[in-house]
Amino acid sequence: MVVRWGVLGAAKFAREHMAPAINAARRGQLVALATSSSDKAKPFEEIALGLRVHDSYEALLADPEVDAVYVPLPNHLHVEWALKAMEAGKHVLVEKPLAMSCADFDKVIAKRDESGVMAAEAYMIVHHPQWKRAKALYESGAIGKLIRVSGAFSYDNSADTQNIRNDASKGGGAIPDIGVYIYGAARFLTGEEPEKILSTEVRRENGVDVWSHITAQFPSFHYTGVVSMRMAPWQEMVFHGDKGVMRLSAPFNANLYGEARIELQSAGPEGMEMQTIRYPADNHYVHQVEAFNAAVLDGAGYACPLEFSRGTQAMIDMVWEAESA
């Protein structure tokens, strides 16, 4: 059996990353696309021979030969079309951020439970071997007692004024777009939730947050996070304990922002020892689709359920509340 996928909209990200991943994933097949543009459909038709192209989102959702829907639409449309997909009986994978409030997450969770379908946010990093190994190393005590975590993710889209990330009316902003990575990553690896936002600094342009620096207290560690849409491209996560340090390079876009690897410095019999673990070929988008397919076909557990994604939104809400206090 395979999961037959449809994509709502011919987004660039879907064209370059997720459509190829759907077709490359085990037990997955891209069968349908919703777009009114024949030109935008052509690259997808090259990825999936025999692709059915619907001229509306509603028509794709009515297609009985579509089992699951991927939603790469602008942020402000995610909840609406996630709900409509589930109402149509489709499993649904929605790009980050799935929702921009905990109340909206609750609506999606309720609809998932009511309809009995699989629904998730496309938080792909949890499916990548880099993060699975990092979590296992942490849980094994490789760095001892955790004291400090820092996360950074940046790029510069200042010249792209039409980019939806620069549009407040479409749910733009650095924190909704990439804050979900550095906040969620700390939660995923440690299993802890923030107790308090200690400080926030947010810079805005035209109502959109373009740079932010926060500090937060978790039950067992101090957290620092920086995200920006106005800095040179960079991303890393650092977990600093009393017995060692673990640094993840290219942790969010594996092998796009440099080589994905884990650099572990930990106490050994002759002092501090350095170990580097490389992941040169793994595609986390393919891993994500395969995990989703397994959840649909086998009822397998899923590393990033909606409840986890809601927890990241709760942390974002804490940041907004601290900023306005």
Foldseek 3Di string as FASTA:
>chain_A
DAAEEEEEDLDPCCLPAQLLLQCPFPRGAHAEYEDLDPVSCVSSCVSHPNHHYHPHPVVVLQDPNHAAYEYPDQQVCLLVVLLVSLVSVHEYEYEFPSHQALVSLVVSVVSCVVSVHHYFYPQLLCLDPLLVVLLVCVVVCQQPFWAEKEKEFEAAPPVVCVPSLLPVVRVHAFCRRCVLPRLLSVCLSPVWAFDAWPDKDFDHDPPYTAWMWTWTDIPRYIYIYIYGNRDHGAIKMWTHHPFWIKIFGPSRQDPPSHWTKIWIWGQDPVGTDIDIGTDHDDRSSSSSSNLSRCCRPPVDDDSGGSVSSSSSSVVVVSNVVNVVD
